[in-house]
Amino acid sequence: MKLYTKETLIEKLKEIAAMGFIPNARKGNHGGIGNTLEDLLGIEENNLPIPNAAEWELKTQRLKTTALNTLFHVEPSPRAVKFVPSILLPKYGWKHKRAGEKYPETEMSFRQTIHGNSSSSRGFKVVVDKKAEKVLISFNSKEVSEQHEDWLKSVKKRVGNLKELEPQPYWGFEDLKHKVGAKLHNCFFVQAEVKKIEGIEHYRYCKVQMLQSLNFEGFLQELENANILVDFDARTGHNHGTKFRLRRNRFPNLYKKSTVIIDE
């Protein structure tokens, strides 16, 4: 594997950008942008071989994607309660759309993506409590839309009331800081324009930013601004895990220093 310094990597990325549209190196692979760039750089996976005290990664994204970027998976506290399968799913879940078909008639679902800007149609919201140093999940029955009126009645029957969640699921700031720090290393963030030529995807690597030093305050701000969302994905038979997901083009806000290398 070839070793790079930050300077030689920047020069190599500029050479690749000057090549224009490059065919997907991994036909049929959705990760083609990253894989193709890795092949051009002569590296494995997304780890950059830069001899340095800090870890460096390569992160890639389609230039005009609307897809959310999964930052990490982490279940809410208190962990011993197993909050999602033990409380949210049985008490606040709803009938799975494929219950009685693919799954048993009794299959329940708790699958929704929520954020900190406003409540979801089922009344759930992300709350950043800086005094308590927690990111909480809140429930407000008054925010539930009319389309979920029958579901709300079933919640009252199962829980006994329509008050705030008790206890509330949460993530402590310190736990989140360690989780974010373990996932968000210094990185070269590369975006590519995508188009098909004779049926094959081609990539033009046209935007590169060098991102350094985790900005946890920026992370919390993005949560409050609904640019980081919390995604629950559980059903009776399986909890697929709780994810923190990021909107496009917000990645640089999670770092203290952002340096534009290429912007064409």
Protein backbone atom coordinates (compact mmCIF):
# COMPACT_ATOMS: atom_id res chain seq x y z
CA MET A 1 0.00 0.00 0.00
CA LYS A 2 1.29 3.43 -0.93
CA LEU A 3 1.98 5.89 1.90
CA TYR A 4 0.90 9.50 1.55
CA THR A 5 1.63 12.75 3.29
CA LYS A 6 -1.21 15.24 3.36
CA GLU A 7 0.63 17.23 0.69
CA THR A 8 1.17 14.31 -1.71
CA LEU A 9 -2.43 13.14 -1.21
CA ILE A 10 -3.72 16.61 -2.10
CA GLU A 11 -1.62 16.59 -5.30
CA LYS A 12 -2.93 13.12 -6.21
CA LEU A 13 -6.54 14.20 -5.65
CA LYS A 14 -5.98 17.21 -7.89
CA GLU A 15 -4.61 14.88 -10.61
CA ILE A 16 -7.69 12.65 -10.29
CA ALA A 17 -10.02 15.68 -10.47
CA ALA A 18 -8.27 16.77 -13.69
CA MET A 19 -9.04 13.38 -15.28
CA GLY A 20 -12.71 14.28 -15.69
CA PHE A 21 -15.29 11.49 -15.74
CA ILE A 22 -13.88 8.10 -14.68
CA PRO A 23 -15.79 4.79 -15.08
CA ASN A 24 -16.99 2.90 -12.01
CA ALA A 25 -14.33 0.39 -11.02
CA ARG A 26 -16.87 -1.85 -9.28
CA LYS A 27 -19.74 -2.50 -11.66
CA GLY A 28 -23.05 -2.92 -9.89
CA ASN A 29 -21.60 -1.71 -6.59
CA HIS A 30 -23.49 1.15 -4.93
CA GLY A 31 -20.25 2.16 -3.22
CA GLY A 32 -18.70 2.79 -6.60
CA ILE A 33 -17.61 6.38 -5.91
CA GLY A 34 -15.52 5.43 -2.91
CA ASN A 35 -14.27 2.15 -4.36
CA THR A 36 -13.19 3.78 -7.62
CA LEU A 37 -11.34 6.53 -5.76
CA GLU A 38 -9.64 3.96 -3.51
CA ASP A 39 -8.44 2.08 -6.59
CA LEU A 40 -7.08 5.29 -8.12
CA LEU A 41 -5.26 6.09 -4.87
CA GLY A 42 -4.05 2.51 -4.38
CA ILE A 43 -5.51 2.18 -0.88
CA GLU A 44 -7.78 -0.33 0.90
CA GLU A 45 -11.20 0.58 2.29
CA ASN A 46 -11.47 4.18 3.48
CA ASN A 47 -8.41 4.36 5.72
CA LEU A 48 -5.74 6.74 4.51
CA PRO A 49 -2.13 5.62 5.11
CA ILE A 50 -0.89 9.00 6.34
CA PRO A 51 1.84 8.62 8.99
CA ASN A 52 0.50 11.02 11.60
CA ALA A 53 -0.53 11.08 15.25
CA ALA A 54 -4.17 11.43 14.19
CA GLU A 55 -6.23 8.92 12.20
CA TRP A 56 -7.33 9.97 8.72
CA GLU A 57 -10.17 8.61 6.61
CA LEU A 58 -11.51 9.06 3.13
CA LYS A 59 -15.23 9.87 2.91
CA THR A 60 -17.09 10.15 -0.37
CA GLN A 61 -20.54 11.30 -1.44
CA ARG A 62 -22.57 11.91 -4.60
CA LEU A 63 -22.66 15.63 -5.25
CA LYS A 64 -26.45 16.01 -5.52
CA THR A 65 -27.61 13.17 -3.31
CA THR A 66 -30.57 13.66 -0.99
CA ALA A 67 -29.74 10.49 0.96
CA LEU A 68 -28.97 10.70 4.66
CA ASN A 69 -25.47 9.68 5.74
CA THR A 70 -25.42 7.21 8.66
CA LEU A 71 -22.91 8.43 11.24
CA PHE A 72 -23.18 5.59 13.76
CA HIS A 73 -25.50 3.14 15.55
CA VAL A 74 -26.09 3.55 19.29
CA GLU A 75 -28.99 2.48 21.50
CA PRO A 76 -30.43 4.95 24.03
CA SER A 77 -29.85 4.79 27.77
CA PRO A 78 -30.63 3.38 30.21
CA ARG A 79 -29.13 0.47 28.25
CA ALA A 80 -30.21 -2.17 30.79
CA VAL A 81 -33.84 -1.33 30.02
CA LYS A 82 -33.36 -2.19 26.30
CA PHE A 83 -35.59 0.79 25.64
CA VAL A 84 -36.57 0.25 22.01
CA PRO A 85 -37.72 -3.42 22.14
CA SER A 86 -38.98 -3.27 25.74
CA ILE A 87 -40.81 0.07 25.88
CA LEU A 88 -41.07 2.02 22.62
CA LEU A 89 -42.08 -0.95 20.47
CA PRO A 90 -44.72 -2.63 22.69
CA LYS A 91 -46.16 0.57 24.22
CA TYR A 92 -45.80 3.10 21.39
CA GLY A 93 -45.51 0.88 18.32
CA TRP A 94 -48.12 0.24 15.61
CA LYS A 95 -49.15 -2.71 13.48
CA HIS A 96 -46.47 -3.59 10.92
CA LYS A 97 -47.65 -2.96 7.36
CA ARG A 98 -46.80 -6.58 6.45
CA ALA A 99 -48.29 -8.19 9.54
CA GLY A 100 -50.22 -11.26 8.53
CA GLU A 101 -48.25 -11.53 5.27
CA LYS A 102 -44.48 -11.71 5.65
CA TYR A 103 -44.70 -11.52 9.45
CA PRO A 104 -47.14 -12.85 12.09
CA GLU A 105 -50.47 -11.05 12.56
CA THR A 106 -49.17 -9.67 15.87
CA GLU A 107 -46.04 -8.06 14.36
CA MET A 108 -45.54 -4.48 15.58
CA SER A 109 -43.36 -1.70 14.18
CA PHE A 110 -41.53 1.30 15.63
CA ARG A 111 -39.88 2.72 12.57
CA GLN A 112 -39.51 6.49 12.16
CA THR A 113 -36.92 9.20 11.69
CA ILE A 114 -37.20 12.15 14.07
CA HIS A 115 -35.30 15.39 14.63
CA GLY A 116 -35.03 18.44 16.89
CA ASN A 117 -36.86 21.05 14.82
CA SER A 118 -40.44 19.84 15.23
CA SER A 119 -42.35 16.79 16.41
CA SER A 120 -42.97 13.87 14.07
CA SER A 121 -46.53 13.05 13.00
CA ARG A 122 -46.65 10.68 16.00
CA GLY A 123 -45.48 13.33 18.47
CA PHE A 124 -41.84 12.36 18.95
CA LYS A 125 -38.98 14.85 18.97
CA VAL A 126 -35.23 15.06 19.70
CA VAL A 127 -34.39 17.46 22.56
CA VAL A 128 -30.86 18.69 23.35
CA ASP A 129 -30.77 19.45 27.09
CA LYS A 130 -27.45 21.23 27.67
CA LYS A 131 -28.08 21.71 31.39
CA ALA A 132 -28.58 17.98 31.98
CA GLU A 133 -26.00 17.19 29.26
CA LYS A 134 -28.33 14.76 27.54
CA VAL A 135 -29.94 14.25 24.14
CA LEU A 136 -33.47 13.06 24.92
CA ILE A 137 -36.40 11.60 23.04
CA SER A 138 -39.59 13.44 23.96
CA PHE A 139 -43.24 12.54 23.32
CA ASN A 140 -46.05 15.12 23.11
CA SER A 141 -49.49 13.67 22.43
CA LYS A 142 -50.81 17.12 21.44
CA GLU A 143 -48.48 17.07 18.42
CA VAL A 144 -49.85 13.79 17.03
CA SER A 145 -51.57 14.28 13.65
CA GLU A 146 -55.23 13.36 13.11
CA GLN A 147 -54.29 10.48 10.82
CA HIS A 148 -52.85 8.69 13.87
CA GLU A 149 -55.86 9.22 16.15
CA ASP A 150 -56.62 5.50 16.48
CA TRP A 151 -52.97 4.76 17.23
CA LEU A 152 -52.96 7.45 19.95
CA LYS A 153 -56.00 5.85 21.59
CA SER A 154 -54.18 2.52 21.59
CA VAL A 155 -51.13 4.17 23.21
CA LYS A 156 -53.31 5.54 26.03
CA LYS A 157 -54.77 2.08 26.56
CA ARG A 158 -51.34 0.40 26.62
CA VAL A 159 -49.48 3.03 28.68
CA GLY A 160 -52.32 4.26 30.86
CA ASN A 161 -51.78 7.94 30.02
CA LEU A 162 -50.58 10.28 27.28
CA LYS A 163 -47.93 12.07 29.31
CA GLU A 164 -44.20 12.43 28.58
CA LEU A 165 -42.16 9.21 28.26
CA GLU A 166 -41.21 7.87 31.69
CA PRO A 167 -38.34 7.27 31.88
CA GLN A 168 -37.17 9.20 28.82
CA PRO A 169 -34.66 7.48 26.53
CA TYR A 170 -31.47 9.52 26.27
CA TRP A 171 -27.82 9.67 25.26
CA GLY A 172 -25.41 11.39 27.66
CA PHE A 173 -23.12 14.03 26.14
CA GLU A 174 -19.98 12.20 27.30
CA ASP A 175 -21.10 8.89 25.78
CA LEU A 176 -22.02 10.63 22.53
CA LYS A 177 -18.73 12.54 22.47
CA HIS A 178 -16.78 9.27 22.70
CA LYS A 179 -18.99 7.65 20.05
CA VAL A 180 -18.66 10.59 17.66
CA GLY A 181 -14.93 10.85 18.30
CA ALA A 182 -14.43 7.15 17.51
CA LYS A 183 -16.31 7.53 14.20
CA LEU A 184 -15.40 11.01 12.97
CA HIS A 185 -11.68 10.97 12.41
CA ASN A 186 -9.91 13.68 10.46
CA CYS A 187 -10.88 13.11 6.86
CA PHE A 188 -10.71 14.11 3.22
CA PHE A 189 -14.33 14.61 2.18
CA VAL A 190 -14.67 14.03 -1.55
CA GLN A 191 -17.83 14.69 -3.57
CA ALA A 192 -18.34 13.53 -7.13
CA GLU A 193 -20.66 14.40 -10.01
CA VAL A 194 -22.25 11.24 -11.38
CA LYS A 195 -23.51 10.42 -14.87
CA LYS A 196 -24.01 7.34 -17.02
CA ILE A 197 -22.02 6.92 -20.22
CA GLU A 198 -23.07 3.96 -22.38
CA GLY A 199 -24.87 2.43 -19.40
CA ILE A 200 -21.89 2.65 -17.04
CA GLU A 201 -21.68 5.06 -14.10
CA HIS A 202 -18.85 7.58 -14.36
CA TYR A 203 -17.57 9.90 -11.63
CA ARG A 204 -15.98 13.32 -11.77
CA TYR A 205 -14.31 14.11 -8.47
CA CYS A 206 -14.98 17.84 -8.28
CA LYS A 207 -15.12 18.85 -4.60
CA VAL A 208 -12.59 18.00 -1.91
CA GLN A 209 -12.41 19.35 1.65
CA MET A 210 -9.88 18.52 4.35
CA LEU A 211 -11.76 18.26 7.67
CA GLN A 212 -9.89 18.29 10.98
CA SER A 213 -10.71 18.05 14.71
CA LEU A 214 -14.11 16.97 15.97
CA ASN A 215 -16.47 19.81 16.87
CA PHE A 216 -18.90 18.33 19.41
CA GLU A 217 -20.69 21.66 19.85
CA GLY A 218 -21.24 21.62 16.08
CA PHE A 219 -22.66 18.10 16.40
CA LEU A 220 -25.16 19.28 19.04
CA GLN A 221 -26.06 22.31 16.92
CA GLU A 222 -26.80 20.10 13.93
CA LEU A 223 -29.05 17.97 16.15
CA GLU A 224 -30.98 21.07 17.26
CA ASN A 225 -31.22 22.32 13.67
CA ALA A 226 -32.65 19.00 12.40
CA ASN A 227 -29.61 18.29 10.22
CA ILE A 228 -28.75 15.24 12.31
CA LEU A 229 -31.73 12.92 12.72
CA VAL A 230 -32.38 9.91 14.95
CA ASP A 231 -33.64 6.88 13.07
CA PHE A 232 -35.50 4.08 14.88
CA ASP A 233 -35.98 0.85 12.95
CA ALA A 234 -37.51 -1.91 15.06
CA ARG A 235 -40.18 -4.54 14.66
CA THR A 236 -41.34 -7.29 17.00
CA GLY A 237 -39.03 -9.88 15.49
CA HIS A 238 -35.90 -7.72 15.20
CA ASN A 239 -34.43 -4.38 16.24
CA HIS A 240 -32.32 -3.13 13.32
CA GLY A 241 -30.67 -0.59 15.58
CA THR A 242 -30.96 3.13 16.33
CA LYS A 243 -28.95 5.37 14.01
CA PHE A 244 -27.79 8.97 14.01
CA ARG A 245 -28.01 10.19 10.41
CA LEU A 246 -26.77 13.38 8.74
CA ARG A 247 -28.24 15.49 5.92
CA ARG A 248 -26.13 16.12 2.80
CA ASN A 249 -23.51 18.88 2.78
CA ARG A 250 -23.57 19.22 6.59
CA PHE A 251 -20.51 17.04 7.16
CA PRO A 252 -17.98 19.92 7.45
CA ASN A 253 -20.02 21.39 10.34
CA LEU A 254 -18.93 18.46 12.51
CA TYR A 255 -15.29 19.60 12.43
CA LYS A 256 -13.46 22.60 13.87
CA LYS A 257 -11.36 23.18 10.74
CA SER A 258 -12.46 22.85 7.12
CA THR A 259 -10.04 23.54 4.23
CA VAL A 260 -11.30 23.60 0.63
CA ILE A 261 -8.87 21.73 -1.61
CA ILE A 262 -10.90 21.49 -4.84
CA ASP A 263 -14.19 23.20 -5.72
CA GLU A 264 -14.98 23.00 -9.43
